[in-house]
Amino acid sequence: MTKKLIILILAIISIIGCDNNKEIDKAASKNAKEKEVQQKINKSTDKKTNQIRIGDYMSDTSDFFWYAKQSDTASYWIRIVFQKEFAVYQFHGQCIYWFFTNHYYTKADKIELLWSYKSDCLLTMDFLRKSNGVKKFPKAGDAFCEYSLLNDTVIVVKYNFPEWTEKINKMEKDSIFPKYLYLKKSGI
């Protein structure tokens, strides 16, 4: 009799446990379906507006190269790749700076570059740390510039220290801090 009672109790506990698992599975399935529907809505909304965001070009796994239009005699070769937390700013083949960034998407989609960096550079770039005769120049942690899309292949750059960036461009006889960046097409 005791064995039958123990078996009966175990069977009841097992049945109750299965019913609870089914309820948990149903709730998880419902949440997954709701999430899937929301993702489809978001994708269809993006397709309807055809809106490409600058954040779409930020990646730690894929490189989207943005370059400045420079003459063939330029001393520098400006290219920028936006990662999730950094803008990789290549001044030259042997001079790369990693600047911290903030990405904002509210009514305006933009990337803010902070004057906080680490570098790997064989060139002497002391002019980036000096005022160069200009009163307002970037110091560690300053918001240096904002990048926003003009269209899906052109970025407009708004500098917070325009007098200083113009002075640098004149001193170096190059477009180190360009007003526009252009997406490099694959295969070019």
C-alpha atoms as a PDB file:
ATOM      1  CA  MET A   1       0.000   0.000   0.000  1.00  0.00           C
ATOM      2  CA  THR A   2       2.817   2.434   0.859  1.00  0.00           C
ATOM      3  CA  LYS A   3       4.532   1.706  -2.476  1.00  0.00           C
ATOM      4  CA  LYS A   4       1.293   2.433  -4.371  1.00  0.00           C
ATOM      5  CA  LEU A   5       0.823   5.689  -2.434  1.00  0.00           C
ATOM      6  CA  ILE A   6       4.406   6.818  -3.165  1.00  0.00           C
ATOM      7  CA  ILE A   7       4.014   5.970  -6.876  1.00  0.00           C
ATOM      8  CA  LEU A   8       0.694   7.858  -6.974  1.00  0.00           C
ATOM      9  CA  ILE A   9       2.231  10.943  -5.314  1.00  0.00           C
ATOM     10  CA  LEU A  10       5.218  10.873  -7.704  1.00  0.00           C
ATOM     11  CA  ALA A  11       2.862  10.562 -10.697  1.00  0.00           C
ATOM     12  CA  ILE A  12       0.806  13.574  -9.511  1.00  0.00           C
ATOM     13  CA  ILE A  13       3.950  15.666  -8.969  1.00  0.00           C
ATOM     14  CA  SER A  14       5.204  14.671 -12.415  1.00  0.00           C
ATOM     15  CA  ILE A  15       1.888  15.644 -14.077  1.00  0.00           C
ATOM     16  CA  ILE A  16       1.771  18.998 -12.268  1.00  0.00           C
ATOM     17  CA  GLY A  17       5.408  19.680 -13.237  1.00  0.00           C
ATOM     18  CA  CYS A  18       4.682  18.944 -16.920  1.00  0.00           C
ATOM     19  CA  ASP A  19       1.702  21.315 -16.939  1.00  0.00           C
ATOM     20  CA  ASN A  20       3.856  24.091 -15.431  1.00  0.00           C
ATOM     21  CA  ASN A  21       6.550  23.499 -18.076  1.00  0.00           C
ATOM     22  CA  LYS A  22       3.907  23.709 -20.824  1.00  0.00           C
ATOM     23  CA  GLU A  23       2.744  27.088 -19.472  1.00  0.00           C
ATOM     24  CA  ILE A  24       6.330  28.359 -19.350  1.00  0.00           C
ATOM     25  CA  ASP A  25       6.939  27.119 -22.915  1.00  0.00           C
ATOM     26  CA  LYS A  26       3.719  28.814 -24.115  1.00  0.00           C
ATOM     27  CA  ALA A  27       4.733  32.125 -22.532  1.00  0.00           C
ATOM     28  CA  ALA A  28       8.244  31.935 -24.014  1.00  0.00           C
ATOM     29  CA  SER A  29       6.820  31.079 -27.434  1.00  0.00           C
ATOM     30  CA  LYS A  30       4.385  34.008 -27.240  1.00  0.00           C
ATOM     31  CA  ASN A  31       7.235  36.415 -26.334  1.00  0.00           C
ATOM     32  CA  ALA A  32       9.373  35.101 -29.191  1.00  0.00           C
ATOM     33  CA  LYS A  33       6.488  35.554 -31.659  1.00  0.00           C
ATOM     34  CA  GLU A  34       5.840  39.113 -30.428  1.00  0.00           C
ATOM     35  CA  LYS A  35       9.526  39.940 -30.816  1.00  0.00           C
ATOM     36  CA  GLU A  36       9.567  38.476 -34.341  1.00  0.00           C
ATOM     37  CA  VAL A  37       6.490  40.510 -35.356  1.00  0.00           C
ATOM     38  CA  GLN A  38       8.069  43.711 -33.950  1.00  0.00           C
ATOM     39  CA  GLN A  39      11.265  43.057 -35.934  1.00  0.00           C
ATOM     40  CA  LYS A  40       9.220  42.587 -39.129  1.00  0.00           C
ATOM     41  CA  ILE A  41       7.392  45.867 -38.460  1.00  0.00           C
ATOM     42  CA  ASN A  42      10.695  47.672 -37.911  1.00  0.00           C
ATOM     43  CA  LYS A  43      12.161  46.236 -41.113  1.00  0.00           C
ATOM     44  CA  SER A  44       9.100  47.119 -43.165  1.00  0.00           C
ATOM     45  CA  THR A  45       9.107  50.653 -41.732  1.00  0.00           C
ATOM     46  CA  ASP A  46      12.761  51.105 -42.683  1.00  0.00           C
ATOM     47  CA  LYS A  47      12.020  49.799 -46.192  1.00  0.00           C
ATOM     48  CA  LYS A  48       9.099  52.190 -46.595  1.00  0.00           C
ATOM     49  CA  THR A  49      11.161  55.230 -45.647  1.00  0.00           C
ATOM     50  CA  ASN A  50      14.326  53.913 -47.314  1.00  0.00           C
ATOM     51  CA  GLN A  51      16.195  55.672 -44.553  1.00  0.00           C
ATOM     52  CA  ILE A  52      19.820  54.729 -44.172  1.00  0.00           C
ATOM     53  CA  ARG A  53      21.348  55.772 -40.885  1.00  0.00           C
ATOM     54  CA  ILE A  54      24.954  56.601 -40.164  1.00  0.00           C
ATOM     55  CA  GLY A  55      24.818  53.927 -37.455  1.00  0.00           C
ATOM     56  CA  ASP A  56      24.340  51.354 -40.238  1.00  0.00           C
ATOM     57  CA  TYR A  57      27.966  52.067 -41.202  1.00  0.00           C
ATOM     58  CA  MET A  58      29.325  51.430 -37.697  1.00  0.00           C
ATOM     59  CA  SER A  59      30.675  47.929 -37.295  1.00  0.00           C
ATOM     60  CA  ASP A  60      33.372  46.000 -35.490  1.00  0.00           C
ATOM     61  CA  THR A  61      33.224  43.219 -38.088  1.00  0.00           C
ATOM     62  CA  SER A  62      32.822  45.028 -41.442  1.00  0.00           C
ATOM     63  CA  ASP A  63      34.841  47.992 -42.628  1.00  0.00           C
ATOM     64  CA  PHE A  64      33.137  50.848 -44.456  1.00  0.00           C
ATOM     65  CA  PHE A  65      35.920  53.155 -45.642  1.00  0.00           C
ATOM     66  CA  TRP A  66      35.138  56.861 -45.841  1.00  0.00           C
ATOM     67  CA  TYR A  67      37.762  58.993 -47.532  1.00  0.00           C
ATOM     68  CA  ALA A  68      38.493  62.640 -48.238  1.00  0.00           C
ATOM     69  CA  LYS A  69      38.940  63.824 -51.810  1.00  0.00           C
ATOM     70  CA  GLN A  70      42.581  64.827 -51.983  1.00  0.00           C
ATOM     71  CA  SER A  71      45.020  65.604 -54.766  1.00  0.00           C
ATOM     72  CA  ASP A  72      47.520  63.029 -55.992  1.00  0.00           C
ATOM     73  CA  THR A  73      50.304  65.111 -54.448  1.00  0.00           C
ATOM     74  CA  ALA A  74      48.740  65.086 -50.974  1.00  0.00           C
ATOM     75  CA  SER A  75      51.004  64.239 -48.044  1.00  0.00           C
ATOM     76  CA  TYR A  76      48.205  62.547 -46.159  1.00  0.00           C
ATOM     77  CA  TRP A  77      45.686  59.882 -47.125  1.00  0.00           C
ATOM     78  CA  ILE A  78      42.628  60.477 -44.971  1.00  0.00           C
ATOM     79  CA  ARG A  79      40.386  57.465 -44.426  1.00  0.00           C
ATOM     80  CA  ILE A  80      37.950  56.841 -41.592  1.00  0.00           C
ATOM     81  CA  VAL A  81      36.265  53.635 -40.472  1.00  0.00           C
ATOM     82  CA  PHE A  82      33.515  53.873 -37.855  1.00  0.00           C
ATOM     83  CA  GLN A  83      33.441  51.095 -35.310  1.00  0.00           C
ATOM     84  CA  LYS A  84      30.928  50.770 -32.467  1.00  0.00           C
ATOM     85  CA  GLU A  85      32.999  52.869 -30.019  1.00  0.00           C
ATOM     86  CA  PHE A  86      35.776  54.332 -32.169  1.00  0.00           C
ATOM     87  CA  ALA A  87      36.473  56.229 -35.347  1.00  0.00           C
ATOM     88  CA  VAL A  88      39.640  54.780 -36.822  1.00  0.00           C
ATOM     89  CA  TYR A  89      41.220  57.843 -38.459  1.00  0.00           C
ATOM     90  CA  GLN A  90      44.001  57.016 -40.868  1.00  0.00           C
ATOM     91  CA  PHE A  91      46.148  60.055 -41.654  1.00  0.00           C
ATOM     92  CA  HIS A  92      48.653  58.035 -43.629  1.00  0.00           C
ATOM     93  CA  GLY A  93      49.443  54.361 -44.261  1.00  0.00           C
ATOM     94  CA  GLN A  94      51.663  54.423 -41.194  1.00  0.00           C
ATOM     95  CA  CYS A  95      49.691  56.778 -38.991  1.00  0.00           C
ATOM     96  CA  ILE A  96      46.414  55.706 -37.389  1.00  0.00           C
ATOM     97  CA  TYR A  97      44.477  57.324 -34.531  1.00  0.00           C
ATOM     98  CA  TRP A  98      41.568  55.704 -32.684  1.00  0.00           C
ATOM     99  CA  PHE A  99      39.168  58.398 -31.463  1.00  0.00           C
ATOM    100  CA  PHE A 100      36.332  57.648 -29.058  1.00  0.00           C
ATOM    101  CA  THR A 101      32.868  58.338 -30.460  1.00  0.00           C
ATOM    102  CA  ASN A 102      29.256  58.661 -29.390  1.00  0.00           C
ATOM    103  CA  HIS A 103      26.456  57.638 -31.739  1.00  0.00           C
ATOM    104  CA  TYR A 104      23.151  59.456 -31.355  1.00  0.00           C
ATOM    105  CA  TYR A 105      19.931  58.605 -33.075  1.00  0.00           C
ATOM    106  CA  THR A 106      17.083  60.865 -32.086  1.00  0.00           C
ATOM    107  CA  LYS A 107      15.635  63.226 -34.676  1.00  0.00           C
ATOM    108  CA  ALA A 108      19.154  63.684 -36.057  1.00  0.00           C
ATOM    109  CA  ASP A 109      21.387  60.718 -36.742  1.00  0.00           C
ATOM    110  CA  LYS A 110      25.006  61.607 -36.018  1.00  0.00           C
ATOM    111  CA  ILE A 111      28.325  60.358 -34.729  1.00  0.00           C
ATOM    112  CA  GLU A 112      30.225  62.634 -32.380  1.00  0.00           C
ATOM    113  CA  LEU A 113      34.019  62.326 -32.363  1.00  0.00           C
ATOM    114  CA  LEU A 114      35.667  63.041 -29.012  1.00  0.00           C
ATOM    115  CA  TRP A 115      39.183  64.423 -28.772  1.00  0.00           C
ATOM    116  CA  SER A 116      40.316  61.407 -26.816  1.00  0.00           C
ATOM    117  CA  TYR A 117      42.518  58.995 -28.679  1.00  0.00           C
ATOM    118  CA  LYS A 118      45.314  56.501 -28.862  1.00  0.00           C
ATOM    119  CA  SER A 119      47.653  56.405 -31.811  1.00  0.00           C
ATOM    120  CA  ASP A 120      50.005  54.210 -33.781  1.00  0.00           C
ATOM    121  CA  CYS A 121      51.941  56.675 -35.893  1.00  0.00           C
ATOM    122  CA  LEU A 122      55.441  56.936 -37.324  1.00  0.00           C
ATOM    123  CA  LEU A 123      54.859  60.579 -38.294  1.00  0.00           C
ATOM    124  CA  THR A 124      55.332  63.480 -35.911  1.00  0.00           C
ATOM    125  CA  MET A 125      51.812  64.837 -35.390  1.00  0.00           C
ATOM    126  CA  ASP A 126      52.652  67.392 -32.649  1.00  0.00           C
ATOM    127  CA  PHE A 127      50.450  69.991 -34.347  1.00  0.00           C
ATOM    128  CA  LEU A 128      47.400  67.966 -33.183  1.00  0.00           C
ATOM    129  CA  ARG A 129      48.320  68.701 -29.544  1.00  0.00           C
ATOM    130  CA  LYS A 130      49.030  72.427 -29.957  1.00  0.00           C
ATOM    131  CA  SER A 131      46.947  75.562 -30.330  1.00  0.00           C
ATOM    132  CA  ASN A 132      48.902  76.579 -33.458  1.00  0.00           C
ATOM    133  CA  GLY A 133      48.153  80.230 -32.701  1.00  0.00           C
ATOM    134  CA  VAL A 134      44.375  79.737 -32.413  1.00  0.00           C
ATOM    135  CA  LYS A 135      42.537  80.544 -29.162  1.00  0.00           C
ATOM    136  CA  LYS A 136      39.942  77.772 -29.358  1.00  0.00           C
ATOM    137  CA  PHE A 137      41.493  74.352 -29.993  1.00  0.00           C
ATOM    138  CA  PRO A 138      40.528  70.799 -28.924  1.00  0.00           C
ATOM    139  CA  LYS A 139      41.672  69.436 -25.604  1.00  0.00           C
ATOM    140  CA  ALA A 140      41.302  65.937 -24.163  1.00  0.00           C
ATOM    141  CA  GLY A 141      37.651  64.918 -23.924  1.00  0.00           C
ATOM    142  CA  ASP A 142      36.224  67.778 -26.044  1.00  0.00           C
ATOM    143  CA  ALA A 143      33.523  67.015 -28.598  1.00  0.00           C
ATOM    144  CA  PHE A 144      35.600  67.691 -31.703  1.00  0.00           C
ATOM    145  CA  CYS A 145      33.156  67.179 -34.570  1.00  0.00           C
ATOM    146  CA  GLU A 146      29.903  65.575 -35.724  1.00  0.00           C
ATOM    147  CA  TYR A 147      29.425  63.316 -38.701  1.00  0.00           C
ATOM    148  CA  SER A 148      26.030  63.018 -40.379  1.00  0.00           C
ATOM    149  CA  LEU A 149      24.887  61.531 -43.666  1.00  0.00           C
ATOM    150  CA  LEU A 150      24.155  63.827 -46.565  1.00  0.00           C
ATOM    151  CA  ASN A 151      23.068  60.764 -48.546  1.00  0.00           C
ATOM    152  CA  ASP A 152      23.986  57.071 -48.518  1.00  0.00           C
ATOM    153  CA  THR A 153      27.544  57.716 -49.857  1.00  0.00           C
ATOM    154  CA  VAL A 154      28.491  61.160 -48.472  1.00  0.00           C
ATOM    155  CA  ILE A 155      29.102  62.305 -44.893  1.00  0.00           C
ATOM    156  CA  VAL A 156      29.078  65.976 -43.879  1.00  0.00           C
ATOM    157  CA  VAL A 157      31.432  66.950 -41.057  1.00  0.00           C
ATOM    158  CA  LYS A 158      30.673  69.822 -38.686  1.00  0.00           C
ATOM    159  CA  TYR A 159      33.750  70.840 -36.692  1.00  0.00           C
ATOM    160  CA  ASN A 160      33.399  72.425 -33.258  1.00  0.00           C
ATOM    161  CA  PHE A 161      36.805  74.097 -33.723  1.00  0.00           C
ATOM    162  CA  PRO A 162      36.530  75.378 -37.321  1.00  0.00           C
ATOM    163  CA  GLU A 163      39.253  78.039 -37.045  1.00  0.00           C
ATOM    164  CA  TRP A 164      41.725  75.467 -35.681  1.00  0.00           C
ATOM    165  CA  THR A 165      40.893  72.805 -38.303  1.00  0.00           C
ATOM    166  CA  GLU A 166      41.241  75.370 -41.119  1.00  0.00           C
ATOM    167  CA  LYS A 167      44.615  76.439 -39.693  1.00  0.00           C
ATOM    168  CA  ILE A 168      45.807  72.814 -39.587  1.00  0.00           C
ATOM    169  CA  ASN A 169      44.657  72.215 -43.167  1.00  0.00           C
ATOM    170  CA  LYS A 170      46.551  75.367 -44.320  1.00  0.00           C
ATOM    171  CA  MET A 171      49.689  74.531 -42.315  1.00  0.00           C
ATOM    172  CA  GLU A 172      49.865  71.000 -43.686  1.00  0.00           C
ATOM    173  CA  LYS A 173      48.713  72.070 -47.194  1.00  0.00           C
ATOM    174  CA  ASP A 174      46.191  69.254 -47.167  1.00  0.00           C
ATOM    175  CA  SER A 175      42.645  68.347 -46.200  1.00  0.00           C
ATOM    176  CA  ILE A 176      43.430  66.580 -42.937  1.00  0.00           C
ATOM    177  CA  PHE A 177      40.049  67.598 -41.565  1.00  0.00           C
ATOM    178  CA  PRO A 178      37.736  67.440 -44.607  1.00  0.00           C
ATOM    179  CA  LYS A 179      34.206  68.865 -44.765  1.00  0.00           C
ATOM    180  CA  TYR A 180      32.973  65.839 -46.720  1.00  0.00           C
ATOM    181  CA  LEU A 181      33.794  62.152 -46.631  1.00  0.00           C
ATOM    182  CA  TYR A 182      32.897  59.741 -49.423  1.00  0.00           C
ATOM    183  CA  LEU A 183      32.112  56.050 -49.084  1.00  0.00           C
ATOM    184  CA  LYS A 184      34.631  53.887 -50.882  1.00  0.00           C
ATOM    185  CA  LYS A 185      32.834  51.544 -53.238  1.00  0.00           C
ATOM    186  CA  SER A 186      33.887  47.872 -53.191  1.00  0.00           C
ATOM    187  CA  GLY A 187      36.499  46.988 -55.731  1.00  0.00           C
ATOM    188  CA  ILE A 188      37.845  50.541 -56.071  1.00  0.00           C
END
